[in-house]
Amino acid sequence: MTEYREPAVESERGALVAVLVMVILGVAGIFAVS
């Protein structure tokens, strides 16, 4: 179970981090423009 679940958790965490980075960059861009 653990060996099979670990990659899925890692990919989910990676996707979450990517989304968070995109949101932070978007907010920073909006603040920079305004």
N, C-alpha and C. Protein backbone atom coordinates (compact mmCIF):
# COMPACT_ATOMS: atom_id res chain seq x y z
N MET A 1 0.84 -1.21 0.00
CA MET A 1 0.00 0.00 0.00
C MET A 1 0.87 1.25 0.00
N THR A 2 1.82 1.29 0.94
CA THR A 2 2.63 2.51 1.08
C THR A 2 3.45 2.77 -0.20
N GLU A 3 4.11 1.71 -0.70
CA GLU A 3 4.94 1.88 -1.89
C GLU A 3 4.12 2.35 -3.09
N TYR A 4 2.87 1.91 -3.16
CA TYR A 4 2.02 2.28 -4.30
C TYR A 4 1.47 3.70 -4.12
N ARG A 5 1.24 4.12 -2.88
CA ARG A 5 0.61 5.42 -2.62
C ARG A 5 1.61 6.57 -2.72
N GLU A 6 2.85 6.33 -2.35
CA GLU A 6 3.83 7.43 -2.28
C GLU A 6 3.93 8.25 -3.57
N PRO A 7 4.10 7.62 -4.74
CA PRO A 7 4.20 8.41 -5.99
C PRO A 7 2.98 9.28 -6.24
N ALA A 8 1.79 8.75 -5.94
CA ALA A 8 0.55 9.51 -6.16
C ALA A 8 0.54 10.74 -5.27
N VAL A 9 0.94 10.56 -4.01
CA VAL A 9 0.97 11.68 -3.06
C VAL A 9 1.98 12.72 -3.54
N GLU A 10 3.14 12.24 -4.03
CA GLU A 10 4.17 13.17 -4.49
C GLU A 10 3.68 13.97 -5.69
N SER A 11 3.02 13.32 -6.64
CA SER A 11 2.52 14.01 -7.83
C SER A 11 1.43 15.00 -7.44
N GLU A 12 0.56 14.60 -6.51
CA GLU A 12 -0.50 15.51 -6.05
C GLU A 12 0.12 16.73 -5.39
N ARG A 13 1.12 16.50 -4.54
CA ARG A 13 1.79 17.62 -3.85
C ARG A 13 2.47 18.53 -4.87
N GLY A 14 3.09 17.93 -5.89
CA GLY A 14 3.75 18.73 -6.93
C GLY A 14 2.75 19.59 -7.68
N ALA A 15 1.60 19.01 -8.02
CA ALA A 15 0.56 19.78 -8.72
C ALA A 15 0.05 20.91 -7.83
N LEU A 16 -0.12 20.62 -6.55
CA LEU A 16 -0.60 21.64 -5.60
C LEU A 16 0.41 22.78 -5.52
N VAL A 17 1.69 22.45 -5.42
CA VAL A 17 2.73 23.48 -5.35
C VAL A 17 2.74 24.30 -6.62
N ALA A 18 2.59 23.65 -7.78
CA ALA A 18 2.57 24.37 -9.06
C ALA A 18 1.41 25.35 -9.11
N VAL A 19 0.23 24.93 -8.66
CA VAL A 19 -0.94 25.81 -8.65
C VAL A 19 -0.70 26.99 -7.71
N LEU A 20 -0.14 26.70 -6.53
CA LEU A 20 0.13 27.78 -5.56
C LEU A 20 1.10 28.79 -6.15
N VAL A 21 2.15 28.30 -6.81
CA VAL A 21 3.14 29.20 -7.42
C VAL A 21 2.48 30.05 -8.50
N MET A 22 1.62 29.44 -9.32
CA MET A 22 0.93 30.19 -10.37
C MET A 22 0.06 31.29 -9.76
N VAL A 23 -0.67 30.97 -8.69
CA VAL A 23 -1.54 31.96 -8.03
C VAL A 23 -0.69 33.09 -7.45
N ILE A 24 0.41 32.74 -6.77
CA ILE A 24 1.27 33.76 -6.17
C ILE A 24 1.85 34.66 -7.25
N LEU A 25 2.32 34.06 -8.35
CA LEU A 25 2.87 34.86 -9.45
C LEU A 25 1.80 35.76 -10.06
N GLY A 26 0.59 35.24 -10.19
CA GLY A 26 -0.51 36.04 -10.74
C GLY A 26 -0.82 37.23 -9.85
N VAL A 27 -0.91 37.00 -8.54
CA VAL A 27 -1.19 38.08 -7.59
C VAL A 27 -0.05 39.10 -7.62
N ALA A 28 1.19 38.61 -7.64
CA ALA A 28 2.35 39.51 -7.68
C ALA A 28 2.32 40.35 -8.96
N GLY A 29 1.95 39.72 -10.09
CA GLY A 29 1.86 40.44 -11.36
C GLY A 29 0.79 41.52 -11.30
N ILE A 30 -0.36 41.22 -10.70
CA ILE A 30 -1.44 42.20 -10.59
C ILE A 30 -0.96 43.39 -9.74
N PHE A 31 -0.30 43.09 -8.62
CA PHE A 31 0.20 44.16 -7.75
C PHE A 31 1.26 44.98 -8.48
N ALA A 32 2.11 44.33 -9.28
CA ALA A 32 3.16 45.03 -10.00
C ALA A 32 2.55 45.96 -11.05
N VAL A 33 1.50 45.51 -11.74
CA VAL A 33 0.87 46.32 -12.78
C VAL A 33 0.15 47.52 -12.15
N SER A 34 -0.55 47.26 -11.05
CA SER A 34 -1.31 48.33 -10.40
C SER A 34 -0.44 49.02 -9.36
